Amino acid sequence: MDMEDKIFNILIPKEKKIKIHNGKRKVIEEKIFPGYILVEMIVTDDSWYAVRNTPNVTGFIGTGNIPTPVSEEEIRDLQKRMGVEEPKFQIDVSVGSPVRIVDGPFKNLEGKIIEVDDGKGKIKVLLSMFGRETPVELDFLQIKKI
């Protein structure tokens, strides 16, 4: 539509996340704001008309007729979040915490954490099986805090 001088950049914010499916670890890309895109543009009547009348565009964030701009700082933060190559592990348990296993061959067993490896996202849990305490290494996504 000959708008290169007014519409500069279109951004769909996505980040990589780790999911466990059928006991296997997968890295997936997930949208940060599902259903939203960010458009860097100079708002004129023509550019506003072009974006507003793009198929599947239903509305804009803001009050009135003109969209609210997002600050440069917020865009930089989003780009940093998107630029992270390796997904981070968020482990909110500590040694001695009781946990229930929610996935894998030891599903529904309970145990106590004896070791946490933040770098790899792995946890060692002490399970009571067959009358003995057995250490088992699990992924942090396979457990749930009790």
C-alpha atoms as a PDB file:
ATOM      1  CA  MET A   1       0.000   0.000   0.000  1.00  0.00           C
ATOM      2  CA  ASP A   2       3.043   2.237  -0.364  1.00  0.00           C
ATOM      3  CA  MET A   3       3.310   2.925   3.389  1.00  0.00           C
ATOM      4  CA  GLU A   4       7.010   2.075   3.916  1.00  0.00           C
ATOM      5  CA  ASP A   5       7.742   5.657   4.957  1.00  0.00           C
ATOM      6  CA  LYS A   6       5.042   5.606   7.698  1.00  0.00           C
ATOM      7  CA  ILE A   7       4.811   1.974   8.879  1.00  0.00           C
ATOM      8  CA  PHE A   8       8.248   0.734   9.940  1.00  0.00           C
ATOM      9  CA  ASN A   9       8.055  -2.413  12.030  1.00  0.00           C
ATOM     10  CA  ILE A  10       5.529  -5.051  13.087  1.00  0.00           C
ATOM     11  CA  LEU A  11       6.311  -7.142  16.178  1.00  0.00           C
ATOM     12  CA  ILE A  12       4.606 -10.304  17.432  1.00  0.00           C
ATOM     13  CA  PRO A  13       6.037 -10.831  20.939  1.00  0.00           C
ATOM     14  CA  LYS A  14       6.979 -14.511  21.515  1.00  0.00           C
ATOM     15  CA  GLU A  15       9.163 -16.300  24.024  1.00  0.00           C
ATOM     16  CA  LYS A  16      10.516 -19.814  24.359  1.00  0.00           C
ATOM     17  CA  LYS A  17       9.148 -22.035  27.129  1.00  0.00           C
ATOM     18  CA  ILE A  18       9.837 -25.559  28.281  1.00  0.00           C
ATOM     19  CA  LYS A  19       6.943 -28.039  28.392  1.00  0.00           C
ATOM     20  CA  ILE A  20       6.935 -31.724  29.210  1.00  0.00           C
ATOM     21  CA  HIS A  21       4.639 -33.840  27.057  1.00  0.00           C
ATOM     22  CA  ASN A  22       4.525 -37.644  27.343  1.00  0.00           C
ATOM     23  CA  GLY A  23       7.632 -37.560  29.532  1.00  0.00           C
ATOM     24  CA  LYS A  24       9.671 -35.695  26.919  1.00  0.00           C
ATOM     25  CA  ARG A  25      10.907 -32.164  27.255  1.00  0.00           C
ATOM     26  CA  LYS A  26      10.017 -29.781  24.439  1.00  0.00           C
ATOM     27  CA  VAL A  27      10.948 -26.159  23.862  1.00  0.00           C
ATOM     28  CA  ILE A  28       8.002 -24.298  22.369  1.00  0.00           C
ATOM     29  CA  GLU A  29       7.455 -20.712  21.274  1.00  0.00           C
ATOM     30  CA  GLU A  30       4.538 -19.081  23.019  1.00  0.00           C
ATOM     31  CA  LYS A  31       3.036 -15.672  22.344  1.00  0.00           C
ATOM     32  CA  ILE A  32       3.513 -13.228  25.221  1.00  0.00           C
ATOM     33  CA  PHE A  33       0.329 -11.316  24.359  1.00  0.00           C
ATOM     34  CA  PRO A  34      -1.908 -13.715  22.405  1.00  0.00           C
ATOM     35  CA  GLY A  35      -4.069 -11.861  19.899  1.00  0.00           C
ATOM     36  CA  TYR A  36      -1.929  -8.702  19.898  1.00  0.00           C
ATOM     37  CA  ILE A  37       0.711  -7.295  17.590  1.00  0.00           C
ATOM     38  CA  LEU A  38       2.785  -4.145  17.995  1.00  0.00           C
ATOM     39  CA  VAL A  39       3.121  -1.749  15.065  1.00  0.00           C
ATOM     40  CA  GLU A  40       5.809   0.929  14.875  1.00  0.00           C
ATOM     41  CA  MET A  41       4.387   3.711  12.748  1.00  0.00           C
ATOM     42  CA  ILE A  42       3.799   7.396  12.282  1.00  0.00           C
ATOM     43  CA  VAL A  43       0.076   7.880  12.840  1.00  0.00           C
ATOM     44  CA  THR A  44      -1.430   9.792   9.934  1.00  0.00           C
ATOM     45  CA  ASP A  45      -4.886   9.420   8.431  1.00  0.00           C
ATOM     46  CA  ASP A  46      -3.501   7.202   5.624  1.00  0.00           C
ATOM     47  CA  SER A  47      -1.336   4.930   7.799  1.00  0.00           C
ATOM     48  CA  TRP A  48      -4.072   4.668  10.426  1.00  0.00           C
ATOM     49  CA  TYR A  49      -6.567   3.674   7.715  1.00  0.00           C
ATOM     50  CA  ALA A  50      -4.184   1.016   6.310  1.00  0.00           C
ATOM     51  CA  VAL A  51      -3.643  -0.647   9.690  1.00  0.00           C
ATOM     52  CA  ARG A  52      -7.259  -0.323  10.829  1.00  0.00           C
ATOM     53  CA  ASN A  53      -8.558  -1.948   7.630  1.00  0.00           C
ATOM     54  CA  THR A  54      -6.102  -4.844   7.611  1.00  0.00           C
ATOM     55  CA  PRO A  55      -7.986  -8.185   7.626  1.00  0.00           C
ATOM     56  CA  ASN A  56      -8.528  -9.653  11.150  1.00  0.00           C
ATOM     57  CA  VAL A  57      -7.639  -6.388  12.918  1.00  0.00           C
ATOM     58  CA  THR A  58     -10.559  -5.821  15.272  1.00  0.00           C
ATOM     59  CA  GLY A  59      -9.463  -3.078  17.610  1.00  0.00           C
ATOM     60  CA  PHE A  60      -6.710  -1.123  19.279  1.00  0.00           C
ATOM     61  CA  ILE A  61      -5.574  -0.391  22.803  1.00  0.00           C
ATOM     62  CA  GLY A  62      -6.301   3.167  23.820  1.00  0.00           C
ATOM     63  CA  THR A  63      -9.125   5.565  24.357  1.00  0.00           C
ATOM     64  CA  GLY A  64     -10.897   7.386  21.580  1.00  0.00           C
ATOM     65  CA  ASN A  65      -9.895   7.045  17.960  1.00  0.00           C
ATOM     66  CA  ILE A  66      -6.095   7.051  18.218  1.00  0.00           C
ATOM     67  CA  PRO A  67      -4.143   4.096  19.711  1.00  0.00           C
ATOM     68  CA  THR A  68      -2.004   4.589  22.806  1.00  0.00           C
ATOM     69  CA  PRO A  69       1.751   4.376  22.057  1.00  0.00           C
ATOM     70  CA  VAL A  70       3.947   1.909  23.940  1.00  0.00           C
ATOM     71  CA  SER A  71       7.087   3.421  25.486  1.00  0.00           C
ATOM     72  CA  GLU A  72      10.543   2.662  24.090  1.00  0.00           C
ATOM     73  CA  GLU A  73      11.502   1.148  27.459  1.00  0.00           C
ATOM     74  CA  GLU A  74       8.619  -1.347  27.300  1.00  0.00           C
ATOM     75  CA  ILE A  75       9.598  -2.326  23.749  1.00  0.00           C
ATOM     76  CA  ARG A  76      13.243  -2.845  24.827  1.00  0.00           C
ATOM     77  CA  ASP A  77      12.080  -5.019  27.740  1.00  0.00           C
ATOM     78  CA  LEU A  78       9.920  -7.090  25.375  1.00  0.00           C
ATOM     79  CA  GLN A  79      12.778  -7.488  22.913  1.00  0.00           C
ATOM     80  CA  LYS A  80      15.101  -8.621  25.715  1.00  0.00           C
ATOM     81  CA  ARG A  81      12.492 -11.139  26.828  1.00  0.00           C
ATOM     82  CA  MET A  82      12.120 -12.367  23.242  1.00  0.00           C
ATOM     83  CA  GLY A  83      15.875 -12.469  22.603  1.00  0.00           C
ATOM     84  CA  VAL A  84      16.611 -14.975  25.347  1.00  0.00           C
ATOM     85  CA  GLU A  85      17.741 -18.103  23.502  1.00  0.00           C
ATOM     86  CA  GLU A  86      17.598 -20.626  26.329  1.00  0.00           C
ATOM     87  CA  PRO A  87      14.403 -20.720  28.367  1.00  0.00           C
ATOM     88  CA  LYS A  88      14.985 -20.097  32.055  1.00  0.00           C
ATOM     89  CA  PHE A  89      14.025 -22.503  34.777  1.00  0.00           C
ATOM     90  CA  GLN A  90      11.868 -21.141  37.561  1.00  0.00           C
ATOM     91  CA  ILE A  91      12.241 -23.432  40.530  1.00  0.00           C
ATOM     92  CA  ASP A  92      10.316 -22.326  43.602  1.00  0.00           C
ATOM     93  CA  VAL A  93      11.152 -25.284  45.851  1.00  0.00           C
ATOM     94  CA  SER A  94      14.021 -25.868  48.236  1.00  0.00           C
ATOM     95  CA  VAL A  95      15.820 -28.790  49.850  1.00  0.00           C
ATOM     96  CA  GLY A  96      13.556 -30.521  52.351  1.00  0.00           C
ATOM     97  CA  SER A  97      10.287 -29.485  50.672  1.00  0.00           C
ATOM     98  CA  PRO A  98       7.666 -32.203  50.292  1.00  0.00           C
ATOM     99  CA  VAL A  99       6.540 -32.708  46.675  1.00  0.00           C
ATOM    100  CA  ARG A 100       4.181 -34.873  44.617  1.00  0.00           C
ATOM    101  CA  ILE A 101       5.301 -36.222  41.255  1.00  0.00           C
ATOM    102  CA  VAL A 102       2.794 -35.305  38.528  1.00  0.00           C
ATOM    103  CA  ASP A 103       4.408 -36.844  35.430  1.00  0.00           C
ATOM    104  CA  GLY A 104       6.510 -39.828  34.456  1.00  0.00           C
ATOM    105  CA  PRO A 105       6.855 -43.365  35.797  1.00  0.00           C
ATOM    106  CA  PHE A 106       6.677 -42.243  39.442  1.00  0.00           C
ATOM    107  CA  LYS A 107       3.444 -40.274  38.968  1.00  0.00           C
ATOM    108  CA  ASN A 108       1.367 -39.680  42.149  1.00  0.00           C
ATOM    109  CA  LEU A 109       4.214 -40.668  44.511  1.00  0.00           C
ATOM    110  CA  GLU A 110       5.296 -38.244  47.215  1.00  0.00           C
ATOM    111  CA  GLY A 111       8.797 -37.517  48.387  1.00  0.00           C
ATOM    112  CA  LYS A 112      11.190 -34.988  49.814  1.00  0.00           C
ATOM    113  CA  ILE A 113      13.669 -32.870  47.836  1.00  0.00           C
ATOM    114  CA  ILE A 114      17.307 -33.619  48.643  1.00  0.00           C
ATOM    115  CA  GLU A 115      19.025 -31.628  45.868  1.00  0.00           C
ATOM    116  CA  VAL A 116      18.166 -28.765  43.474  1.00  0.00           C
ATOM    117  CA  ASP A 117      20.138 -28.003  40.288  1.00  0.00           C
ATOM    118  CA  ASP A 118      18.992 -24.558  39.101  1.00  0.00           C
ATOM    119  CA  GLY A 119      21.220 -24.574  36.014  1.00  0.00           C
ATOM    120  CA  LYS A 120      19.776 -27.755  34.516  1.00  0.00           C
ATOM    121  CA  GLY A 121      16.279 -27.495  35.984  1.00  0.00           C
ATOM    122  CA  LYS A 122      16.686 -30.877  37.683  1.00  0.00           C
ATOM    123  CA  ILE A 123      15.673 -31.953  41.168  1.00  0.00           C
ATOM    124  CA  LYS A 124      16.594 -35.028  43.206  1.00  0.00           C
ATOM    125  CA  VAL A 125      13.702 -36.413  45.228  1.00  0.00           C
ATOM    126  CA  LEU A 126      13.883 -39.087  47.918  1.00  0.00           C
ATOM    127  CA  LEU A 127      11.032 -41.555  47.385  1.00  0.00           C
ATOM    128  CA  SER A 128       9.966 -44.385  49.649  1.00  0.00           C
ATOM    129  CA  MET A 129       9.646 -47.426  47.370  1.00  0.00           C
ATOM    130  CA  PHE A 130       9.525 -51.085  48.378  1.00  0.00           C
ATOM    131  CA  GLY A 131      10.351 -50.184  51.979  1.00  0.00           C
ATOM    132  CA  ARG A 132      13.502 -48.226  51.021  1.00  0.00           C
ATOM    133  CA  GLU A 133      14.349 -44.618  50.423  1.00  0.00           C
ATOM    134  CA  THR A 134      15.395 -44.200  46.793  1.00  0.00           C
ATOM    135  CA  PRO A 135      16.795 -41.000  45.221  1.00  0.00           C
ATOM    136  CA  VAL A 136      15.253 -40.133  41.846  1.00  0.00           C
ATOM    137  CA  GLU A 137      16.331 -37.315  39.500  1.00  0.00           C
ATOM    138  CA  LEU A 138      13.377 -35.473  37.952  1.00  0.00           C
ATOM    139  CA  ASP A 139      12.742 -32.434  35.836  1.00  0.00           C
ATOM    140  CA  PHE A 140      11.281 -29.513  37.784  1.00  0.00           C
ATOM    141  CA  LEU A 141       8.149 -29.647  35.596  1.00  0.00           C
ATOM    142  CA  GLN A 142       7.437 -33.187  36.820  1.00  0.00           C
ATOM    143  CA  ILE A 143       6.782 -32.163  40.414  1.00  0.00           C
ATOM    144  CA  LYS A 144       4.239 -30.157  42.348  1.00  0.00           C
ATOM    145  CA  LYS A 145       4.789 -28.582  45.734  1.00  0.00           C
ATOM    146  CA  ILE A 146       2.567 -30.013  48.489  1.00  0.00           C
END
